[in-house]
Amino acid sequence: MDRLVRLKIFCIAALLFITLAVRAQWEEGEINVLFSIPEVALVDIEPSMNNSVHFSIVPSEESGKSPIIKKTTEEVLWINYSSSMAENVNSRKIVAEIANGQLPGGVQLFLEASVYNGNGEGTLGQPSGKINLGPQPKPLISGIGNCYTNDGANNGHSLNFSLKINDYAEIRSKEEAQFTILYTITDN
Protein backbone atom coordinates (compact mmCIF):
# COMPACT_ATOMS: atom_id res chain seq x y z
CA MET A 1 0.00 0.00 0.00
CA ASP A 2 1.19 3.31 -0.65
CA ARG A 3 1.84 5.86 1.97
CA LEU A 4 -1.01 8.12 1.08
CA VAL A 5 -3.59 5.33 1.32
CA ARG A 6 -2.18 4.26 4.73
CA LEU A 7 -2.35 7.85 5.94
CA LYS A 8 -5.98 8.15 4.78
CA ILE A 9 -6.94 4.89 6.56
CA PHE A 10 -5.14 6.03 9.69
CA CYS A 11 -6.90 9.42 9.63
CA ILE A 12 -10.34 7.83 9.09
CA ALA A 13 -9.69 5.35 11.93
CA ALA A 14 -8.49 8.14 14.25
CA LEU A 15 -11.50 10.31 13.39
CA LEU A 16 -13.87 7.39 14.03
CA PHE A 17 -12.18 6.66 17.38
CA ILE A 18 -12.34 10.33 18.47
CA THR A 19 -16.01 10.54 17.44
CA LEU A 20 -16.87 7.45 19.52
CA ALA A 21 -14.82 8.70 22.48
CA VAL A 22 -16.48 12.13 22.40
CA ARG A 23 -19.88 10.55 22.10
CA ALA A 24 -19.20 8.40 25.20
CA GLN A 25 -18.40 11.49 27.24
CA TRP A 26 -21.84 12.99 26.61
CA GLU A 27 -23.91 10.05 27.77
CA GLU A 28 -25.57 10.53 31.19
CA GLY A 29 -27.32 8.51 33.79
CA GLU A 30 -29.00 9.63 36.96
CA ILE A 31 -30.04 8.19 40.30
CA ASN A 32 -32.47 9.79 42.70
CA VAL A 33 -31.13 9.86 46.26
CA LEU A 34 -33.53 10.50 49.12
CA PHE A 35 -32.70 10.72 52.81
CA SER A 36 -34.08 12.31 55.93
CA ILE A 37 -32.51 13.56 59.13
CA PRO A 38 -34.92 13.46 62.04
CA GLU A 39 -35.03 16.16 64.68
CA VAL A 40 -33.29 14.77 67.77
CA ALA A 41 -33.08 16.08 71.35
CA LEU A 42 -31.76 13.44 73.78
CA VAL A 43 -30.17 13.82 77.21
CA ASP A 44 -28.78 11.13 79.51
CA ILE A 45 -26.90 10.90 82.83
CA GLU A 46 -24.02 8.43 83.11
CA PRO A 47 -23.23 6.04 84.66
CA SER A 48 -26.83 4.93 84.34
CA MET A 49 -26.56 2.15 86.95
CA ASN A 50 -25.84 4.43 89.90
CA ASN A 51 -26.47 8.07 89.27
CA SER A 52 -27.43 9.11 92.79
CA VAL A 53 -25.67 11.81 94.81
CA HIS A 54 -25.57 11.51 98.62
CA PHE A 55 -24.80 14.24 101.15
CA SER A 56 -24.86 14.12 104.90
CA ILE A 57 -24.71 16.91 107.44
CA VAL A 58 -22.87 15.75 110.53
CA PRO A 59 -22.11 17.59 113.77
CA SER A 60 -18.63 19.00 114.24
CA GLU A 61 -16.28 17.41 116.77
CA GLU A 62 -16.25 20.62 118.84
CA SER A 63 -19.29 22.16 120.45
CA GLY A 64 -20.08 25.59 119.10
CA LYS A 65 -18.73 24.91 115.60
CA SER A 66 -20.89 24.65 112.50
CA PRO A 67 -22.00 21.24 111.16
CA ILE A 68 -19.90 19.58 108.46
CA ILE A 69 -21.32 18.84 105.03
CA LYS A 70 -20.00 15.62 103.51
CA LYS A 71 -20.56 14.32 100.02
CA THR A 72 -20.62 10.58 100.63
CA THR A 73 -20.66 9.42 96.99
CA GLU A 74 -17.48 9.41 94.97
CA GLU A 75 -18.98 8.53 91.57
CA VAL A 76 -18.53 11.29 88.97
CA LEU A 77 -21.69 11.84 86.95
CA TRP A 78 -21.65 12.89 83.28
CA ILE A 79 -24.37 14.46 81.17
CA ASN A 80 -24.47 13.19 77.56
CA TYR A 81 -26.66 14.66 74.81
CA SER A 82 -27.45 14.44 71.11
CA SER A 83 -29.04 17.24 69.09
CA SER A 84 -30.25 17.56 65.51
CA MET A 85 -32.31 20.72 65.10
CA ALA A 86 -35.00 21.88 62.70
CA GLU A 87 -34.01 24.62 60.26
CA ASN A 88 -35.83 27.35 62.21
CA VAL A 89 -34.07 26.55 65.53
CA ASN A 90 -30.79 28.36 66.30
CA SER A 91 -29.66 26.51 69.42
CA ARG A 92 -30.73 24.45 72.40
CA LYS A 93 -30.06 24.42 76.12
CA ILE A 94 -30.25 21.92 78.96
CA VAL A 95 -32.09 23.09 82.06
CA ALA A 96 -32.11 21.45 85.50
CA GLU A 97 -34.70 21.61 88.28
CA ILE A 98 -35.73 19.79 91.44
CA ALA A 99 -38.74 17.52 90.82
CA ASN A 100 -40.56 14.84 92.80
CA GLY A 101 -39.70 16.24 96.23
CA GLN A 102 -37.98 19.24 97.70
CA LEU A 103 -34.84 20.29 99.50
CA PRO A 104 -35.01 20.29 103.29
CA GLY A 105 -35.29 23.75 104.83
CA GLY A 106 -32.12 25.70 105.48
CA VAL A 107 -29.97 24.21 102.70
CA GLN A 108 -29.17 25.07 99.11
CA LEU A 109 -28.03 22.61 96.46
CA PHE A 110 -25.73 23.87 93.71
CA LEU A 111 -24.88 22.22 90.40
CA GLU A 112 -22.13 23.10 87.95
CA ALA A 113 -21.34 21.44 84.61
CA SER A 114 -17.72 21.26 83.46
CA VAL A 115 -16.51 22.29 80.01
CA TYR A 116 -17.02 19.62 77.37
CA ASN A 117 -14.77 16.56 77.42
CA GLY A 118 -14.82 13.55 75.10
CA ASN A 119 -14.95 12.34 71.52
CA GLY A 120 -18.18 13.89 70.23
CA GLU A 121 -18.59 16.25 67.29
CA GLY A 122 -20.54 19.32 66.26
CA THR A 123 -21.52 22.51 68.09
CA LEU A 124 -21.29 21.36 71.69
CA GLY A 125 -22.79 23.44 74.49
CA GLN A 126 -21.14 25.75 77.00
CA PRO A 127 -21.70 25.44 80.77
CA SER A 128 -23.71 28.22 82.39
CA GLY A 129 -21.72 28.21 85.64
CA LYS A 130 -22.85 27.23 89.12
CA ILE A 131 -26.64 27.23 89.47
CA ASN A 132 -28.77 27.11 92.61
CA LEU A 133 -31.21 24.24 92.07
CA GLY A 134 -34.86 24.74 92.90
CA PRO A 135 -38.32 23.91 91.57
CA GLN A 136 -37.92 26.24 88.56
CA PRO A 137 -35.79 25.15 85.53
CA LYS A 138 -32.43 26.92 85.30
CA PRO A 139 -30.02 26.80 82.34
CA LEU A 140 -27.13 24.40 82.97
CA ILE A 141 -25.65 24.16 79.44
CA SER A 142 -26.49 26.53 76.57
CA GLY A 143 -25.49 27.13 72.94
CA ILE A 144 -26.05 23.51 71.89
CA GLY A 145 -26.19 23.08 68.11
CA ASN A 146 -26.22 20.01 65.90
CA CYS A 147 -23.94 17.66 67.80
CA TYR A 148 -23.40 14.59 69.93
CA THR A 149 -21.20 14.24 73.02
CA ASN A 150 -20.61 10.50 72.69
CA ASP A 151 -21.95 8.12 75.30
CA GLY A 152 -20.83 7.13 78.77
CA ALA A 153 -18.51 8.42 81.46
CA ASN A 154 -15.74 10.82 80.37
CA ASN A 155 -17.92 12.09 77.50
CA GLY A 156 -20.00 15.24 77.75
CA HIS A 157 -19.89 17.45 80.83
CA SER A 158 -19.09 16.21 84.33
CA LEU A 159 -21.56 17.33 86.99
CA ASN A 160 -20.33 18.85 90.26
CA PHE A 161 -22.81 19.07 93.15
CA SER A 162 -22.33 21.07 96.33
CA LEU A 163 -24.53 21.67 99.35
CA LYS A 164 -24.59 24.79 101.53
CA ILE A 165 -26.36 25.54 104.77
CA ASN A 166 -27.92 28.94 104.22
CA ASP A 167 -30.14 29.24 107.32
CA TYR A 168 -29.24 27.31 110.47
CA ALA A 169 -32.57 28.25 112.05
CA GLU A 170 -34.34 26.18 109.35
CA ILE A 171 -32.28 23.01 109.82
CA ARG A 172 -34.36 20.16 111.26
CA SER A 173 -33.26 16.66 112.13
CA LYS A 174 -34.42 14.37 109.38
CA GLU A 175 -33.35 10.86 108.62
CA GLU A 176 -33.46 11.26 104.87
CA ALA A 177 -34.72 13.74 102.28
CA GLN A 178 -34.98 12.49 98.74
CA PHE A 179 -35.88 14.23 95.47
CA THR A 180 -35.14 14.02 91.77
CA ILE A 181 -33.16 16.40 89.57
CA LEU A 182 -34.83 16.65 86.18
CA TYR A 183 -32.73 17.55 83.12
CA THR A 184 -34.51 18.77 79.99
CA ILE A 185 -33.03 19.65 76.59
CA THR A 186 -35.11 22.36 74.97
CA ASP A 187 -35.03 24.80 72.04
CA ASN A 188 -33.94 28.36 72.79
C-alpha atoms as a PDB file:
ATOM      1  CA  MET A   1       0.000   0.000   0.000  1.00  0.00           C
ATOM      2  CA  ASP A   2       1.192   3.307  -0.654  1.00  0.00           C
ATOM      3  CA  ARG A   3       1.841   5.860   1.971  1.00  0.00           C
ATOM      4  CA  LEU A   4      -1.011   8.120   1.078  1.00  0.00           C
ATOM      5  CA  VAL A   5      -3.589   5.333   1.321  1.00  0.00           C
ATOM      6  CA  ARG A   6      -2.180   4.261   4.733  1.00  0.00           C
ATOM      7  CA  LEU A   7      -2.347   7.853   5.937  1.00  0.00           C
ATOM      8  CA  LYS A   8      -5.980   8.153   4.781  1.00  0.00           C
ATOM      9  CA  ILE A   9      -6.936   4.888   6.558  1.00  0.00           C
ATOM     10  CA  PHE A  10      -5.142   6.029   9.688  1.00  0.00           C
ATOM     11  CA  CYS A  11      -6.904   9.424   9.631  1.00  0.00           C
ATOM     12  CA  ILE A  12     -10.337   7.834   9.092  1.00  0.00           C
ATOM     13  CA  ALA A  13      -9.695   5.351  11.929  1.00  0.00           C
ATOM     14  CA  ALA A  14      -8.489   8.139  14.255  1.00  0.00           C
ATOM     15  CA  LEU A  15     -11.499  10.310  13.391  1.00  0.00           C
ATOM     16  CA  LEU A  16     -13.866   7.395  14.026  1.00  0.00           C
ATOM     17  CA  PHE A  17     -12.179   6.663  17.383  1.00  0.00           C
ATOM     18  CA  ILE A  18     -12.343  10.329  18.473  1.00  0.00           C
ATOM     19  CA  THR A  19     -16.005  10.536  17.442  1.00  0.00           C
ATOM     20  CA  LEU A  20     -16.868   7.451  19.519  1.00  0.00           C
ATOM     21  CA  ALA A  21     -14.820   8.704  22.482  1.00  0.00           C
ATOM     22  CA  VAL A  22     -16.479  12.126  22.400  1.00  0.00           C
ATOM     23  CA  ARG A  23     -19.883  10.548  22.098  1.00  0.00           C
ATOM     24  CA  ALA A  24     -19.205   8.402  25.202  1.00  0.00           C
ATOM     25  CA  GLN A  25     -18.405  11.492  27.238  1.00  0.00           C
ATOM     26  CA  TRP A  26     -21.837  12.987  26.611  1.00  0.00           C
ATOM     27  CA  GLU A  27     -23.914  10.054  27.773  1.00  0.00           C
ATOM     28  CA  GLU A  28     -25.568  10.533  31.185  1.00  0.00           C
ATOM     29  CA  GLY A  29     -27.317   8.507  33.793  1.00  0.00           C
ATOM     30  CA  GLU A  30     -29.000   9.626  36.963  1.00  0.00           C
ATOM     31  CA  ILE A  31     -30.037   8.194  40.297  1.00  0.00           C
ATOM     32  CA  ASN A  32     -32.470   9.787  42.699  1.00  0.00           C
ATOM     33  CA  VAL A  33     -31.131   9.862  46.260  1.00  0.00           C
ATOM     34  CA  LEU A  34     -33.530  10.499  49.122  1.00  0.00           C
ATOM     35  CA  PHE A  35     -32.697  10.717  52.811  1.00  0.00           C
ATOM     36  CA  SER A  36     -34.078  12.309  55.929  1.00  0.00           C
ATOM     37  CA  ILE A  37     -32.507  13.560  59.127  1.00  0.00           C
ATOM     38  CA  PRO A  38     -34.920  13.458  62.042  1.00  0.00           C
ATOM     39  CA  GLU A  39     -35.025  16.161  64.680  1.00  0.00           C
ATOM     40  CA  VAL A  40     -33.291  14.771  67.770  1.00  0.00           C
ATOM     41  CA  ALA A  41     -33.076  16.080  71.349  1.00  0.00           C
ATOM     42  CA  LEU A  42     -31.759  13.437  73.776  1.00  0.00           C
ATOM     43  CA  VAL A  43     -30.166  13.822  77.213  1.00  0.00           C
ATOM     44  CA  ASP A  44     -28.778  11.133  79.514  1.00  0.00           C
ATOM     45  CA  ILE A  45     -26.897  10.900  82.831  1.00  0.00           C
ATOM     46  CA  GLU A  46     -24.025   8.429  83.106  1.00  0.00           C
ATOM     47  CA  PRO A  47     -23.226   6.039  84.659  1.00  0.00           C
ATOM     48  CA  SER A  48     -26.827   4.926  84.344  1.00  0.00           C
ATOM     49  CA  MET A  49     -26.558   2.151  86.948  1.00  0.00           C
ATOM     50  CA  ASN A  50     -25.835   4.427  89.905  1.00  0.00           C
ATOM     51  CA  ASN A  51     -26.466   8.070  89.273  1.00  0.00           C
ATOM     52  CA  SER A  52     -27.431   9.113  92.788  1.00  0.00           C
ATOM     53  CA  VAL A  53     -25.674  11.812  94.813  1.00  0.00           C
ATOM     54  CA  HIS A  54     -25.570  11.513  98.617  1.00  0.00           C
ATOM     55  CA  PHE A  55     -24.799  14.239 101.148  1.00  0.00           C
ATOM     56  CA  SER A  56     -24.861  14.116 104.899  1.00  0.00           C
ATOM     57  CA  ILE A  57     -24.707  16.909 107.440  1.00  0.00           C
ATOM     58  CA  VAL A  58     -22.866  15.748 110.534  1.00  0.00           C
ATOM     59  CA  PRO A  59     -22.107  17.588 113.766  1.00  0.00           C
ATOM     60  CA  SER A  60     -18.631  18.997 114.241  1.00  0.00           C
ATOM     61  CA  GLU A  61     -16.278  17.413 116.769  1.00  0.00           C
ATOM     62  CA  GLU A  62     -16.253  20.616 118.844  1.00  0.00           C
ATOM     63  CA  SER A  63     -19.294  22.157 120.454  1.00  0.00           C
ATOM     64  CA  GLY A  64     -20.078  25.588 119.100  1.00  0.00           C
ATOM     65  CA  LYS A  65     -18.731  24.905 115.604  1.00  0.00           C
ATOM     66  CA  SER A  66     -20.892  24.648 112.501  1.00  0.00           C
ATOM     67  CA  PRO A  67     -22.001  21.245 111.159  1.00  0.00           C
ATOM     68  CA  ILE A  68     -19.897  19.584 108.461  1.00  0.00           C
ATOM     69  CA  ILE A  69     -21.315  18.843 105.032  1.00  0.00           C
ATOM     70  CA  LYS A  70     -19.998  15.623 103.510  1.00  0.00           C
ATOM     71  CA  LYS A  71     -20.558  14.315 100.015  1.00  0.00           C
ATOM     72  CA  THR A  72     -20.622  10.583 100.631  1.00  0.00           C
ATOM     73  CA  THR A  73     -20.664   9.421  96.990  1.00  0.00           C
ATOM     74  CA  GLU A  74     -17.475   9.410  94.969  1.00  0.00           C
ATOM     75  CA  GLU A  75     -18.984   8.534  91.572  1.00  0.00           C
ATOM     76  CA  VAL A  76     -18.532  11.287  88.966  1.00  0.00           C
ATOM     77  CA  LEU A  77     -21.693  11.837  86.947  1.00  0.00           C
ATOM     78  CA  TRP A  78     -21.646  12.886  83.282  1.00  0.00           C
ATOM     79  CA  ILE A  79     -24.366  14.461  81.166  1.00  0.00           C
ATOM     80  CA  ASN A  80     -24.466  13.191  77.555  1.00  0.00           C
ATOM     81  CA  TYR A  81     -26.656  14.664  74.807  1.00  0.00           C
ATOM     82  CA  SER A  82     -27.454  14.443  71.106  1.00  0.00           C
ATOM     83  CA  SER A  83     -29.036  17.241  69.090  1.00  0.00           C
ATOM     84  CA  SER A  84     -30.255  17.559  65.509  1.00  0.00           C
ATOM     85  CA  MET A  85     -32.305  20.719  65.099  1.00  0.00           C
ATOM     86  CA  ALA A  86     -35.002  21.879  62.701  1.00  0.00           C
ATOM     87  CA  GLU A  87     -34.005  24.622  60.258  1.00  0.00           C
ATOM     88  CA  ASN A  88     -35.831  27.350  62.205  1.00  0.00           C
ATOM     89  CA  VAL A  89     -34.070  26.555  65.532  1.00  0.00           C
ATOM     90  CA  ASN A  90     -30.790  28.356  66.295  1.00  0.00           C
ATOM     91  CA  SER A  91     -29.660  26.512  69.417  1.00  0.00           C
ATOM     92  CA  ARG A  92     -30.734  24.455  72.403  1.00  0.00           C
ATOM     93  CA  LYS A  93     -30.061  24.417  76.119  1.00  0.00           C
ATOM     94  CA  ILE A  94     -30.248  21.921  78.959  1.00  0.00           C
ATOM     95  CA  VAL A  95     -32.093  23.087  82.057  1.00  0.00           C
ATOM     96  CA  ALA A  96     -32.108  21.454  85.499  1.00  0.00           C
ATOM     97  CA  GLU A  97     -34.695  21.611  88.283  1.00  0.00           C
ATOM     98  CA  ILE A  98     -35.730  19.788  91.438  1.00  0.00           C
ATOM     99  CA  ALA A  99     -38.741  17.525  90.816  1.00  0.00           C
ATOM    100  CA  ASN A 100     -40.557  14.844  92.802  1.00  0.00           C
ATOM    101  CA  GLY A 101     -39.697  16.237  96.226  1.00  0.00           C
ATOM    102  CA  GLN A 102     -37.977  19.241  97.702  1.00  0.00           C
ATOM    103  CA  LEU A 103     -34.838  20.289  99.498  1.00  0.00           C
ATOM    104  CA  PRO A 104     -35.008  20.293 103.286  1.00  0.00           C
ATOM    105  CA  GLY A 105     -35.290  23.747 104.830  1.00  0.00           C
ATOM    106  CA  GLY A 106     -32.124  25.702 105.477  1.00  0.00           C
ATOM    107  CA  VAL A 107     -29.972  24.214 102.702  1.00  0.00           C
ATOM    108  CA  GLN A 108     -29.171  25.074  99.105  1.00  0.00           C
ATOM    109  CA  LEU A 109     -28.030  22.609  96.461  1.00  0.00           C
ATOM    110  CA  PHE A 110     -25.730  23.868  93.710  1.00  0.00           C
ATOM    111  CA  LEU A 111     -24.882  22.217  90.399  1.00  0.00           C
ATOM    112  CA  GLU A 112     -22.129  23.096  87.950  1.00  0.00           C
ATOM    113  CA  ALA A 113     -21.344  21.440  84.607  1.00  0.00           C
ATOM    114  CA  SER A 114     -17.718  21.261  83.457  1.00  0.00           C
ATOM    115  CA  VAL A 115     -16.507  22.291  80.010  1.00  0.00           C
ATOM    116  CA  TYR A 116     -17.021  19.618  77.368  1.00  0.00           C
ATOM    117  CA  ASN A 117     -14.767  16.556  77.425  1.00  0.00           C
ATOM    118  CA  GLY A 118     -14.815  13.552  75.096  1.00  0.00           C
ATOM    119  CA  ASN A 119     -14.952  12.340  71.515  1.00  0.00           C
ATOM    120  CA  GLY A 120     -18.184  13.887  70.227  1.00  0.00           C
ATOM    121  CA  GLU A 121     -18.591  16.254  67.288  1.00  0.00           C
ATOM    122  CA  GLY A 122     -20.542  19.321  66.262  1.00  0.00           C
ATOM    123  CA  THR A 123     -21.516  22.508  68.085  1.00  0.00           C
ATOM    124  CA  LEU A 124     -21.291  21.358  71.692  1.00  0.00           C
ATOM    125  CA  GLY A 125     -22.786  23.438  74.493  1.00  0.00           C
ATOM    126  CA  GLN A 126     -21.140  25.755  77.002  1.00  0.00           C
ATOM    127  CA  PRO A 127     -21.700  25.438  80.767  1.00  0.00           C
ATOM    128  CA  SER A 128     -23.714  28.223  82.388  1.00  0.00           C
ATOM    129  CA  GLY A 129     -21.718  28.208  85.640  1.00  0.00           C
ATOM    130  CA  LYS A 130     -22.853  27.232  89.122  1.00  0.00           C
ATOM    131  CA  ILE A 131     -26.645  27.227  89.472  1.00  0.00           C
ATOM    132  CA  ASN A 132     -28.770  27.110  92.615  1.00  0.00           C
ATOM    133  CA  LEU A 133     -31.213  24.235  92.069  1.00  0.00           C
ATOM    134  CA  GLY A 134     -34.856  24.736  92.904  1.00  0.00           C
ATOM    135  CA  PRO A 135     -38.322  23.907  91.567  1.00  0.00           C
ATOM    136  CA  GLN A 136     -37.920  26.239  88.558  1.00  0.00           C
ATOM    137  CA  PRO A 137     -35.795  25.152  85.535  1.00  0.00           C
ATOM    138  CA  LYS A 138     -32.425  26.922  85.303  1.00  0.00           C
ATOM    139  CA  PRO A 139     -30.019  26.798  82.340  1.00  0.00           C
ATOM    140  CA  LEU A 140     -27.131  24.395  82.971  1.00  0.00           C
ATOM    141  CA  ILE A 141     -25.650  24.157  79.439  1.00  0.00           C
ATOM    142  CA  SER A 142     -26.487  26.529  76.566  1.00  0.00           C
ATOM    143  CA  GLY A 143     -25.494  27.133  72.945  1.00  0.00           C
ATOM    144  CA  ILE A 144     -26.050  23.514  71.887  1.00  0.00           C
ATOM    145  CA  GLY A 145     -26.192  23.082  68.108  1.00  0.00           C
ATOM    146  CA  ASN A 146     -26.223  20.008  65.903  1.00  0.00           C
ATOM    147  CA  CYS A 147     -23.935  17.661  67.803  1.00  0.00           C
ATOM    148  CA  TYR A 148     -23.401  14.592  69.935  1.00  0.00           C
ATOM    149  CA  THR A 149     -21.198  14.239  73.023  1.00  0.00           C
ATOM    150  CA  ASN A 150     -20.610  10.499  72.687  1.00  0.00           C
ATOM    151  CA  ASP A 151     -21.950   8.116  75.299  1.00  0.00           C
ATOM    152  CA  GLY A 152     -20.826   7.131  78.765  1.00  0.00           C
ATOM    153  CA  ALA A 153     -18.505   8.422  81.463  1.00  0.00           C
ATOM    154  CA  ASN A 154     -15.744  10.816  80.372  1.00  0.00           C
ATOM    155  CA  ASN A 155     -17.917  12.087  77.504  1.00  0.00           C
ATOM    156  CA  GLY A 156     -20.004  15.240  77.754  1.00  0.00           C
ATOM    157  CA  HIS A 157     -19.894  17.446  80.832  1.00  0.00           C
ATOM    158  CA  SER A 158     -19.087  16.206  84.330  1.00  0.00           C
ATOM    159  CA  LEU A 159     -21.556  17.333  86.995  1.00  0.00           C
ATOM    160  CA  ASN A 160     -20.335  18.848  90.258  1.00  0.00           C
ATOM    161  CA  PHE A 161     -22.809  19.067  93.150  1.00  0.00           C
ATOM    162  CA  SER A 162     -22.329  21.067  96.326  1.00  0.00           C
ATOM    163  CA  LEU A 163     -24.530  21.674  99.351  1.00  0.00           C
ATOM    164  CA  LYS A 164     -24.586  24.787 101.530  1.00  0.00           C
ATOM    165  CA  ILE A 165     -26.364  25.545 104.769  1.00  0.00           C
ATOM    166  CA  ASN A 166     -27.922  28.941 104.218  1.00  0.00           C
ATOM    167  CA  ASP A 167     -30.139  29.240 107.318  1.00  0.00           C
ATOM    168  CA  TYR A 168     -29.235  27.310 110.474  1.00  0.00           C
ATOM    169  CA  ALA A 169     -32.573  28.245 112.046  1.00  0.00           C
ATOM    170  CA  GLU A 170     -34.341  26.183 109.346  1.00  0.00           C
ATOM    171  CA  ILE A 171     -32.278  23.010 109.816  1.00  0.00           C
ATOM    172  CA  ARG A 172     -34.361  20.163 111.259  1.00  0.00           C
ATOM    173  CA  SER A 173     -33.265  16.664 112.134  1.00  0.00           C
ATOM    174  CA  LYS A 174     -34.421  14.367 109.380  1.00  0.00           C
ATOM    175  CA  GLU A 175     -33.351  10.857 108.622  1.00  0.00           C
ATOM    176  CA  GLU A 176     -33.460  11.261 104.873  1.00  0.00           C
ATOM    177  CA  ALA A 177     -34.720  13.736 102.285  1.00  0.00           C
ATOM    178  CA  GLN A 178     -34.976  12.488  98.743  1.00  0.00           C
ATOM    179  CA  PHE A 179     -35.880  14.226  95.474  1.00  0.00           C
ATOM    180  CA  THR A 180     -35.135  14.023  91.766  1.00  0.00           C
ATOM    181  CA  ILE A 181     -33.161  16.396  89.575  1.00  0.00           C
ATOM    182  CA  LEU A 182     -34.825  16.647  86.185  1.00  0.00           C
ATOM    183  CA  TYR A 183     -32.727  17.551  83.116  1.00  0.00           C
ATOM    184  CA  THR A 184     -34.508  18.774  79.985  1.00  0.00           C
ATOM    185  CA  ILE A 185     -33.025  19.647  76.585  1.00  0.00           C
ATOM    186  CA  THR A 186     -35.107  22.364  74.966  1.00  0.00           C
ATOM    187  CA  ASP A 187     -35.032  24.795  72.036  1.00  0.00           C
ATOM    188  CA  ASN A 188     -33.940  28.364  72.795  1.00  0.00           C
END
